[in-house]
Amino acid sequence: VMTMTEFGRTVKQNGTGGTDHGRASCNFILGNNVIGGKVHGTIAPLALENLEDGRDLTVTTDFRGVFNEVANGHLKINNKKVLFPEFNGDSIGVMRS
């Protein structure tokens, strides 16, 4: 099972005490072939100097790498170009071989 939201949220609150659409987001991946129990990717400490435009988490992992890895590990789609023809990035090591 893999879930992903289409948009992230800002770290900084807006004028009404909520948050706005932001850049960075997350995935949740569950299954027997998932290397679980850890956060994959890089997360900078939540400090003002680490935020883009003073409000957004920095995007550090391309979602296409995650999708391609799950498609390969679970659906046996071995050609990266099938899902994202222009993507040349790496997988992140979330699935067992």
N, C-alpha and C. Protein backbone atom coordinates (compact mmCIF):
# COMPACT_ATOMS: atom_id res chain seq x y z
N VAL A 1 0.85 -1.17 0.00
CA VAL A 1 0.00 0.00 0.00
C VAL A 1 0.90 1.23 0.00
N MET A 2 0.59 2.16 -0.86
CA MET A 2 1.35 3.40 -0.90
C MET A 2 0.38 4.57 -0.96
N THR A 3 0.60 5.55 -0.11
CA THR A 3 -0.22 6.76 -0.15
C THR A 3 0.69 7.95 -0.33
N MET A 4 0.14 8.99 -0.93
CA MET A 4 0.88 10.24 -1.09
C MET A 4 -0.14 11.36 -1.21
N THR A 5 0.13 12.45 -0.56
CA THR A 5 -0.72 13.61 -0.73
C THR A 5 -0.22 14.41 -1.92
N GLU A 6 -1.11 15.11 -2.58
CA GLU A 6 -0.72 15.87 -3.77
C GLU A 6 -0.07 17.21 -3.42
N PHE A 7 -0.16 17.62 -2.19
CA PHE A 7 0.48 18.87 -1.80
C PHE A 7 0.90 18.80 -0.34
N GLY A 8 1.92 19.55 -0.03
CA GLY A 8 2.38 19.62 1.35
C GLY A 8 1.72 20.79 2.07
N ARG A 9 2.17 21.03 3.25
CA ARG A 9 1.69 22.17 4.03
C ARG A 9 2.90 23.00 4.43
N THR A 10 2.69 24.30 4.63
CA THR A 10 3.78 25.15 5.09
C THR A 10 4.05 24.88 6.55
N VAL A 11 5.27 25.15 6.98
CA VAL A 11 5.62 25.04 8.39
C VAL A 11 5.09 26.25 9.14
N LYS A 12 5.23 27.41 8.52
CA LYS A 12 4.80 28.66 9.14
C LYS A 12 3.29 28.83 9.04
N GLN A 13 2.67 29.26 10.13
CA GLN A 13 1.23 29.50 10.13
C GLN A 13 0.89 30.75 9.33
N ASN A 14 -0.33 30.77 8.78
CA ASN A 14 -0.80 31.96 8.08
C ASN A 14 -1.51 32.89 9.05
N GLY A 15 -2.12 33.93 8.55
CA GLY A 15 -2.75 34.95 9.39
C GLY A 15 -3.93 34.47 10.20
N THR A 16 -4.55 33.36 9.83
CA THR A 16 -5.69 32.84 10.58
C THR A 16 -5.32 31.66 11.47
N GLY A 17 -4.01 31.42 11.63
CA GLY A 17 -3.56 30.34 12.51
C GLY A 17 -3.50 28.97 11.86
N GLY A 18 -3.79 28.90 10.56
CA GLY A 18 -3.70 27.63 9.84
C GLY A 18 -2.42 27.58 9.03
N THR A 19 -2.38 26.67 8.08
CA THR A 19 -1.23 26.60 7.18
C THR A 19 -1.73 26.57 5.74
N ASP A 20 -0.86 26.98 4.85
CA ASP A 20 -1.18 27.03 3.43
C ASP A 20 -0.56 25.84 2.70
N HIS A 21 -0.91 25.71 1.42
CA HIS A 21 -0.28 24.68 0.60
C HIS A 21 1.22 24.96 0.56
N GLY A 22 2.01 23.91 0.70
CA GLY A 22 3.46 24.06 0.70
C GLY A 22 4.10 23.13 -0.32
N ARG A 23 5.42 23.12 -0.33
CA ARG A 23 6.15 22.35 -1.33
C ARG A 23 6.41 20.90 -0.93
N ALA A 24 6.98 20.69 0.22
CA ALA A 24 7.38 19.33 0.62
C ALA A 24 6.18 18.56 1.16
N SER A 25 6.24 17.25 1.03
CA SER A 25 5.14 16.40 1.44
C SER A 25 5.70 15.08 1.96
N CYS A 26 4.86 14.05 2.00
CA CYS A 26 5.34 12.76 2.49
C CYS A 26 4.59 11.63 1.80
N ASN A 27 5.15 10.45 1.90
CA ASN A 27 4.54 9.20 1.44
C ASN A 27 4.48 8.25 2.61
N PHE A 28 3.50 7.38 2.61
CA PHE A 28 3.46 6.26 3.55
C PHE A 28 3.41 5.01 2.70
N ILE A 29 4.35 4.08 2.94
CA ILE A 29 4.44 2.86 2.16
C ILE A 29 4.46 1.68 3.11
N LEU A 30 3.55 0.72 2.90
CA LEU A 30 3.44 -0.45 3.76
C LEU A 30 3.48 -1.71 2.92
N GLY A 31 4.09 -2.75 3.43
CA GLY A 31 4.09 -4.03 2.73
C GLY A 31 5.26 -4.88 3.14
N ASN A 32 5.20 -6.15 2.76
CA ASN A 32 6.24 -7.11 3.13
C ASN A 32 7.61 -6.78 2.55
N ASN A 33 7.65 -6.14 1.39
CA ASN A 33 8.93 -5.84 0.75
C ASN A 33 9.45 -4.44 1.05
N VAL A 34 8.77 -3.73 1.92
CA VAL A 34 9.20 -2.38 2.29
C VAL A 34 10.26 -2.46 3.38
N ILE A 35 11.32 -1.69 3.22
CA ILE A 35 12.33 -1.56 4.26
C ILE A 35 11.79 -0.50 5.22
N GLY A 36 11.11 -0.96 6.25
CA GLY A 36 10.37 -0.06 7.13
C GLY A 36 11.08 0.30 8.41
N GLY A 37 10.36 1.01 9.25
CA GLY A 37 10.86 1.38 10.55
C GLY A 37 11.81 2.55 10.53
N LYS A 38 11.83 3.29 9.44
CA LYS A 38 12.73 4.44 9.36
C LYS A 38 12.18 5.47 8.39
N VAL A 39 12.73 6.65 8.47
CA VAL A 39 12.41 7.71 7.51
C VAL A 39 13.43 7.62 6.39
N HIS A 40 12.97 7.54 5.17
CA HIS A 40 13.86 7.52 4.00
C HIS A 40 13.94 8.94 3.47
N GLY A 41 15.10 9.36 3.08
CA GLY A 41 15.28 10.72 2.58
C GLY A 41 15.95 11.58 3.63
N THR A 42 16.04 12.85 3.34
CA THR A 42 16.73 13.81 4.19
C THR A 42 15.73 14.82 4.73
N ILE A 43 15.80 15.07 6.01
CA ILE A 43 14.93 16.08 6.62
C ILE A 43 15.81 17.04 7.41
N ALA A 44 15.79 18.29 7.04
CA ALA A 44 16.56 19.31 7.77
C ALA A 44 15.82 19.65 9.07
N PRO A 45 16.54 20.05 10.10
CA PRO A 45 15.87 20.47 11.34
C PRO A 45 14.89 21.62 11.07
N LEU A 46 13.80 21.65 11.81
CA LEU A 46 12.80 22.72 11.63
C LEU A 46 13.32 24.01 12.26
N ALA A 47 14.09 24.72 11.49
CA ALA A 47 14.64 26.01 11.91
C ALA A 47 14.41 26.99 10.78
N LEU A 48 14.18 28.25 11.11
CA LEU A 48 13.85 29.26 10.11
C LEU A 48 14.89 29.30 8.99
N GLU A 49 16.16 29.15 9.33
CA GLU A 49 17.20 29.21 8.29
C GLU A 49 17.16 28.02 7.34
N ASN A 50 16.43 26.97 7.66
CA ASN A 50 16.31 25.80 6.78
C ASN A 50 15.06 25.84 5.90
N LEU A 51 14.21 26.83 6.08
CA LEU A 51 12.95 26.90 5.33
C LEU A 51 13.14 27.70 4.04
N GLU A 52 12.51 27.25 2.97
CA GLU A 52 12.50 28.02 1.73
C GLU A 52 11.48 29.13 1.87
N ASP A 53 11.88 30.32 1.51
CA ASP A 53 11.01 31.50 1.59
C ASP A 53 10.49 31.73 3.01
N GLY A 54 11.21 31.21 4.00
CA GLY A 54 10.82 31.41 5.39
C GLY A 54 9.56 30.68 5.81
N ARG A 55 9.10 29.72 5.00
CA ARG A 55 7.85 29.04 5.33
C ARG A 55 7.75 27.58 4.90
N ASP A 56 8.55 27.16 3.92
CA ASP A 56 8.39 25.82 3.33
C ASP A 56 9.56 24.90 3.66
N LEU A 57 9.24 23.61 3.89
CA LEU A 57 10.28 22.60 3.95
C LEU A 57 10.92 22.47 2.57
N THR A 58 12.19 22.18 2.54
CA THR A 58 12.88 21.98 1.27
C THR A 58 12.56 20.58 0.74
N VAL A 59 12.22 20.51 -0.53
CA VAL A 59 11.97 19.21 -1.16
C VAL A 59 13.32 18.54 -1.37
N THR A 60 13.49 17.34 -0.82
CA THR A 60 14.77 16.63 -0.91
C THR A 60 14.68 15.31 -1.66
N THR A 61 13.49 14.81 -1.90
CA THR A 61 13.31 13.52 -2.56
C THR A 61 12.27 13.68 -3.66
N ASP A 62 12.61 13.28 -4.86
CA ASP A 62 11.69 13.36 -5.99
C ASP A 62 10.71 12.20 -5.90
N PHE A 63 9.43 12.50 -5.90
CA PHE A 63 8.40 11.46 -5.76
C PHE A 63 8.49 10.42 -6.87
N ARG A 64 9.02 10.80 -8.01
CA ARG A 64 9.11 9.86 -9.13
C ARG A 64 10.07 8.71 -8.82
N GLY A 65 11.10 8.98 -8.03
CA GLY A 65 12.01 7.91 -7.61
C GLY A 65 11.31 6.90 -6.73
N VAL A 66 10.44 7.40 -5.84
CA VAL A 66 9.67 6.52 -4.96
C VAL A 66 8.68 5.70 -5.78
N PHE A 67 7.93 6.36 -6.66
CA PHE A 67 6.96 5.65 -7.49
C PHE A 67 7.64 4.58 -8.35
N ASN A 68 8.75 4.95 -8.98
CA ASN A 68 9.46 3.98 -9.82
C ASN A 68 9.94 2.79 -9.02
N GLU A 69 10.43 3.03 -7.82
CA GLU A 69 10.93 1.93 -7.00
C GLU A 69 9.80 0.99 -6.57
N VAL A 70 8.67 1.54 -6.20
CA VAL A 70 7.53 0.70 -5.83
C VAL A 70 7.00 -0.04 -7.05
N ALA A 71 6.94 0.63 -8.20
CA ALA A 71 6.48 -0.02 -9.43
C ALA A 71 7.40 -1.18 -9.80
N ASN A 72 8.69 -1.01 -9.59
CA ASN A 72 9.65 -2.07 -9.88
C ASN A 72 9.52 -3.20 -8.86
N GLY A 73 9.54 -2.86 -7.58
CA GLY A 73 9.54 -3.88 -6.53
C GLY A 73 8.23 -4.63 -6.38
N HIS A 74 7.13 -3.96 -6.65
CA HIS A 74 5.83 -4.59 -6.42
C HIS A 74 5.14 -5.01 -7.72
N LEU A 75 5.16 -4.14 -8.71
CA LEU A 75 4.45 -4.41 -9.96
C LEU A 75 5.36 -5.01 -11.03
N LYS A 76 6.65 -5.10 -10.72
CA LYS A 76 7.65 -5.67 -11.64
C LYS A 76 7.77 -4.87 -12.93
N ILE A 77 7.55 -3.55 -12.85
CA ILE A 77 7.80 -2.65 -13.98
C ILE A 77 9.26 -2.22 -13.84
N ASN A 78 10.15 -2.85 -14.60
CA ASN A 78 11.59 -2.65 -14.43
C ASN A 78 12.15 -1.48 -15.22
N ASN A 79 11.42 -0.97 -16.18
CA ASN A 79 11.91 0.13 -17.00
C ASN A 79 11.45 1.45 -16.38
N LYS A 80 12.38 2.25 -15.87
CA LYS A 80 12.04 3.54 -15.24
C LYS A 80 11.27 4.46 -16.18
N LYS A 81 11.51 4.34 -17.47
CA LYS A 81 10.93 5.26 -18.45
C LYS A 81 9.45 4.99 -18.73
N VAL A 82 8.91 3.89 -18.24
CA VAL A 82 7.50 3.57 -18.49
C VAL A 82 6.60 4.59 -17.81
N LEU A 83 6.85 4.87 -16.53
CA LEU A 83 5.99 5.79 -15.79
C LEU A 83 6.35 7.25 -16.02
N PHE A 84 7.64 7.56 -16.02
CA PHE A 84 8.11 8.94 -16.13
C PHE A 84 9.24 9.00 -17.16
N PRO A 85 8.90 9.15 -18.45
CA PRO A 85 9.89 9.07 -19.52
C PRO A 85 11.07 10.03 -19.37
N GLU A 86 10.87 11.20 -18.79
CA GLU A 86 11.95 12.19 -18.68
C GLU A 86 12.72 12.10 -17.37
N PHE A 87 12.36 11.19 -16.49
CA PHE A 87 12.99 11.10 -15.17
C PHE A 87 14.28 10.29 -15.23
N ASN A 88 15.35 10.86 -14.70
CA ASN A 88 16.65 10.18 -14.69
C ASN A 88 17.18 9.99 -13.28
N GLY A 89 16.36 10.21 -12.27
CA GLY A 89 16.82 10.14 -10.89
C GLY A 89 16.95 8.72 -10.36
N ASP A 90 17.41 8.65 -9.15
CA ASP A 90 17.65 7.37 -8.49
C ASP A 90 16.49 6.97 -7.60
N SER A 91 16.46 5.69 -7.24
CA SER A 91 15.52 5.22 -6.23
C SER A 91 16.08 5.60 -4.87
N ILE A 92 15.28 5.45 -3.82
CA ILE A 92 15.73 5.88 -2.49
C ILE A 92 16.00 4.73 -1.55
N GLY A 93 15.83 3.50 -2.01
CA GLY A 93 16.13 2.35 -1.17
C GLY A 93 15.04 1.99 -0.19
N VAL A 94 13.78 2.15 -0.61
CA VAL A 94 12.66 1.85 0.28
C VAL A 94 12.15 0.42 0.12
N MET A 95 12.48 -0.24 -0.98
CA MET A 95 12.00 -1.59 -1.26
C MET A 95 13.14 -2.60 -1.22
N ARG A 96 12.84 -3.79 -0.71
CA ARG A 96 13.80 -4.90 -0.77
C ARG A 96 13.87 -5.42 -2.20
N SER A 97 15.01 -5.95 -2.57
CA SER A 97 15.19 -6.49 -3.94
C SER A 97 14.42 -7.77 -4.10
